[in-house]
Amino acid sequence: MFCASGTGIYGSLVLGMTQDSSILISKAILDFFTAIIFACTLGKTVALVSIPQFMVMMLMFMLSRFILPFCTETMICDFKACGGILMLATGLKMCKIKDFPLADMLPSMILVLVFSFMWP
């Protein structure tokens, strides 16, 4: 839930591309309260989640720095638009309004860059 969330992946990539950390700060605040709830039920092992979460987020951050020179402004805007749609789907799922398969939608973050590059 923490490591493979769309918000975490999107936030890490946006931070690496645009230096905007607002998404990751919002995620950290939400994860703090979620971690408290999980710690009450699961115990101290919840703290161990921070290790793989840090590794996943740092990997995404480093990868975004690598691909940034190859991205145009249009590609970054399309990427942000796709991330916004994923965050909207996440919100609708959390509110139990509509159930979206979010894990199946995560590859769209990469595909949108490819399609945007192919059709400028």
C-alpha atoms as a PDB file:
ATOM      1  CA  MET A   1       0.000   0.000   0.000  1.00  0.00           C
ATOM      2  CA  PHE A   2       2.804   2.423   0.824  1.00  0.00           C
ATOM      3  CA  CYS A   3       5.471   1.435  -1.695  1.00  0.00           C
ATOM      4  CA  ALA A   4       3.448   0.685  -4.801  1.00  0.00           C
ATOM      5  CA  SER A   5       0.934   3.498  -4.634  1.00  0.00           C
ATOM      6  CA  GLY A   6       0.318   5.604  -7.692  1.00  0.00           C
ATOM      7  CA  THR A   7       0.799   8.767  -5.681  1.00  0.00           C
ATOM      8  CA  GLY A   8       4.229   7.674  -4.486  1.00  0.00           C
ATOM      9  CA  ILE A   9       5.474   6.698  -7.911  1.00  0.00           C
ATOM     10  CA  TYR A  10       3.982   9.763  -9.569  1.00  0.00           C
ATOM     11  CA  GLY A  11       5.279  12.042  -6.818  1.00  0.00           C
ATOM     12  CA  SER A  12       8.809  10.663  -7.075  1.00  0.00           C
ATOM     13  CA  LEU A  13       8.886  11.066 -10.826  1.00  0.00           C
ATOM     14  CA  VAL A  14       7.482  14.602 -10.666  1.00  0.00           C
ATOM     15  CA  LEU A  15      10.033  15.538  -8.014  1.00  0.00           C
ATOM     16  CA  GLY A  16      12.849  14.292 -10.217  1.00  0.00           C
ATOM     17  CA  MET A  17      11.522  16.024 -13.334  1.00  0.00           C
ATOM     18  CA  THR A  18      10.240  19.347 -12.020  1.00  0.00           C
ATOM     19  CA  GLN A  19      11.662  19.659  -8.474  1.00  0.00           C
ATOM     20  CA  ASP A  20       8.070  19.952  -7.130  1.00  0.00           C
ATOM     21  CA  SER A  21       7.832  18.039  -3.850  1.00  0.00           C
ATOM     22  CA  SER A  22       4.244  18.970  -2.958  1.00  0.00           C
ATOM     23  CA  ILE A  23       2.834  15.584  -4.015  1.00  0.00           C
ATOM     24  CA  LEU A  24       5.327  13.639  -1.901  1.00  0.00           C
ATOM     25  CA  ILE A  25       4.704  15.907   1.089  1.00  0.00           C
ATOM     26  CA  SER A  26       0.957  15.264   0.780  1.00  0.00           C
ATOM     27  CA  LYS A  27       1.625  11.527   0.497  1.00  0.00           C
ATOM     28  CA  ALA A  28       3.866  11.620   3.571  1.00  0.00           C
ATOM     29  CA  ILE A  29       1.147  13.273   5.641  1.00  0.00           C
ATOM     30  CA  LEU A  30      -1.463  10.740   4.515  1.00  0.00           C
ATOM     31  CA  ASP A  31       0.930   7.818   5.021  1.00  0.00           C
ATOM     32  CA  PHE A  32       1.759   9.016   8.536  1.00  0.00           C
ATOM     33  CA  PHE A  33      -1.819   8.597   9.696  1.00  0.00           C
ATOM     34  CA  THR A  34      -2.245   5.346   7.801  1.00  0.00           C
ATOM     35  CA  ALA A  35       0.959   4.005   9.379  1.00  0.00           C
ATOM     36  CA  ILE A  36      -0.373   4.829  12.848  1.00  0.00           C
ATOM     37  CA  ILE A  37      -3.505   2.801  12.157  1.00  0.00           C
ATOM     38  CA  PHE A  38      -1.477  -0.113  10.755  1.00  0.00           C
ATOM     39  CA  ALA A  39       0.959   0.029  13.681  1.00  0.00           C
ATOM     40  CA  CYS A  40      -1.915  -0.336  16.128  1.00  0.00           C
ATOM     41  CA  THR A  41      -3.042  -3.522  14.442  1.00  0.00           C
ATOM     42  CA  LEU A  42       0.196  -5.012  13.068  1.00  0.00           C
ATOM     43  CA  GLY A  43       2.821  -3.802  15.512  1.00  0.00           C
ATOM     44  CA  LYS A  44       6.396  -2.618  15.078  1.00  0.00           C
ATOM     45  CA  THR A  45       6.929  -4.376  11.755  1.00  0.00           C
ATOM     46  CA  VAL A  46       5.143  -1.509  10.048  1.00  0.00           C
ATOM     47  CA  ALA A  47       8.294   0.584  10.627  1.00  0.00           C
ATOM     48  CA  LEU A  48      10.227  -1.844   8.414  1.00  0.00           C
ATOM     49  CA  VAL A  49       8.105  -0.747   5.463  1.00  0.00           C
ATOM     50  CA  SER A  50      10.088   2.489   5.369  1.00  0.00           C
ATOM     51  CA  ILE A  51      13.149   0.662   4.020  1.00  0.00           C
ATOM     52  CA  PRO A  52      11.636  -0.709   0.775  1.00  0.00           C
ATOM     53  CA  GLN A  53       9.545   2.440   0.407  1.00  0.00           C
ATOM     54  CA  PHE A  54      12.675   4.586   0.498  1.00  0.00           C
ATOM     55  CA  MET A  55      14.375   2.308  -2.030  1.00  0.00           C
ATOM     56  CA  VAL A  56      11.426   2.393  -4.449  1.00  0.00           C
ATOM     57  CA  MET A  57      11.008   6.159  -4.198  1.00  0.00           C
ATOM     58  CA  MET A  58      14.747   6.805  -4.636  1.00  0.00           C
ATOM     59  CA  LEU A  59      14.868   4.496  -7.655  1.00  0.00           C
ATOM     60  CA  MET A  60      11.988   6.382  -9.270  1.00  0.00           C
ATOM     61  CA  PHE A  61      13.620   9.707  -8.450  1.00  0.00           C
ATOM     62  CA  MET A  62      16.926   8.632 -10.005  1.00  0.00           C
ATOM     63  CA  LEU A  63      15.237   7.190 -13.097  1.00  0.00           C
ATOM     64  CA  SER A  64      13.329  10.419 -13.632  1.00  0.00           C
ATOM     65  CA  ARG A  65      16.612  12.361 -13.566  1.00  0.00           C
ATOM     66  CA  PHE A  66      17.933  10.002 -16.249  1.00  0.00           C
ATOM     67  CA  ILE A  67      14.968  10.372 -18.622  1.00  0.00           C
ATOM     68  CA  LEU A  68      14.424  14.123 -18.120  1.00  0.00           C
ATOM     69  CA  PRO A  69      16.904  15.224 -20.838  1.00  0.00           C
ATOM     70  CA  PHE A  70      14.947  13.167 -23.379  1.00  0.00           C
ATOM     71  CA  CYS A  71      11.575  14.689 -22.438  1.00  0.00           C
ATOM     72  CA  THR A  72       9.933  17.665 -24.069  1.00  0.00           C
ATOM     73  CA  GLU A  73       7.605  20.080 -22.300  1.00  0.00           C
ATOM     74  CA  THR A  74       4.613  18.384 -23.973  1.00  0.00           C
ATOM     75  CA  MET A  75       5.713  14.989 -22.685  1.00  0.00           C
ATOM     76  CA  ILE A  76       5.984  16.294 -19.123  1.00  0.00           C
ATOM     77  CA  CYS A  77       2.555  17.930 -19.353  1.00  0.00           C
ATOM     78  CA  ASP A  78       1.035  14.688 -20.681  1.00  0.00           C
ATOM     79  CA  PHE A  79       2.745  12.788 -17.877  1.00  0.00           C
ATOM     80  CA  LYS A  80       1.301  15.168 -15.275  1.00  0.00           C
ATOM     81  CA  ALA A  81      -2.155  14.865 -16.835  1.00  0.00           C
ATOM     82  CA  CYS A  82      -1.976  11.072 -16.678  1.00  0.00           C
ATOM     83  CA  GLY A  83      -0.847  11.255 -13.049  1.00  0.00           C
ATOM     84  CA  GLY A  84      -3.739  13.566 -12.258  1.00  0.00           C
ATOM     85  CA  ILE A  85      -6.198  11.080 -13.717  1.00  0.00           C
ATOM     86  CA  LEU A  86      -4.623   8.292 -11.660  1.00  0.00           C
ATOM     87  CA  MET A  87      -4.878  10.401  -8.505  1.00  0.00           C
ATOM     88  CA  LEU A  88      -8.533  11.128  -9.291  1.00  0.00           C
ATOM     89  CA  ALA A  89      -9.140   7.393  -9.712  1.00  0.00           C
ATOM     90  CA  THR A  90      -7.369   6.783  -6.393  1.00  0.00           C
ATOM     91  CA  GLY A  91      -9.613   9.308  -4.659  1.00  0.00           C
ATOM     92  CA  LEU A  92     -12.765   7.793  -6.144  1.00  0.00           C
ATOM     93  CA  LYS A  93     -11.636   4.341  -5.018  1.00  0.00           C
ATOM     94  CA  MET A  94     -10.828   5.560  -1.497  1.00  0.00           C
ATOM     95  CA  CYS A  95     -14.267   7.192  -1.211  1.00  0.00           C
ATOM     96  CA  LYS A  96     -15.839   3.948  -2.491  1.00  0.00           C
ATOM     97  CA  ILE A  97     -17.566   5.797  -5.313  1.00  0.00           C
ATOM     98  CA  LYS A  98     -16.028   3.720  -8.109  1.00  0.00           C
ATOM     99  CA  ASP A  99     -13.640   0.773  -7.895  1.00  0.00           C
ATOM    100  CA  PHE A 100     -10.731   1.178 -10.324  1.00  0.00           C
ATOM    101  CA  PRO A 101      -7.942  -1.393 -10.902  1.00  0.00           C
ATOM    102  CA  LEU A 102      -5.179   1.062  -9.977  1.00  0.00           C
ATOM    103  CA  ALA A 103      -2.309  -1.418 -10.205  1.00  0.00           C
ATOM    104  CA  ASP A 104      -3.305  -2.149 -13.796  1.00  0.00           C
ATOM    105  CA  MET A 105      -3.315   1.570 -14.579  1.00  0.00           C
ATOM    106  CA  LEU A 106       0.261   2.267 -13.374  1.00  0.00           C
ATOM    107  CA  PRO A 107       1.956   1.283 -16.681  1.00  0.00           C
ATOM    108  CA  SER A 108       0.113   4.190 -18.280  1.00  0.00           C
ATOM    109  CA  MET A 109       2.644   6.498 -16.607  1.00  0.00           C
ATOM    110  CA  ILE A 110       5.362   5.065 -18.832  1.00  0.00           C
ATOM    111  CA  LEU A 111       3.191   4.547 -21.892  1.00  0.00           C
ATOM    112  CA  VAL A 112       2.064   8.172 -21.916  1.00  0.00           C
ATOM    113  CA  LEU A 113       5.688   9.267 -22.301  1.00  0.00           C
ATOM    114  CA  VAL A 114       6.218   6.867 -25.201  1.00  0.00           C
ATOM    115  CA  PHE A 115       3.005   7.888 -26.974  1.00  0.00           C
ATOM    116  CA  SER A 116       3.686  11.564 -26.409  1.00  0.00           C
ATOM    117  CA  PHE A 117       7.163  11.143 -27.893  1.00  0.00           C
ATOM    118  CA  MET A 118       5.834   9.271 -30.931  1.00  0.00           C
ATOM    119  CA  TRP A 119       3.026  11.773 -31.645  1.00  0.00           C
ATOM    120  CA  PRO A 120       4.305  15.247 -30.716  1.00  0.00           C
END
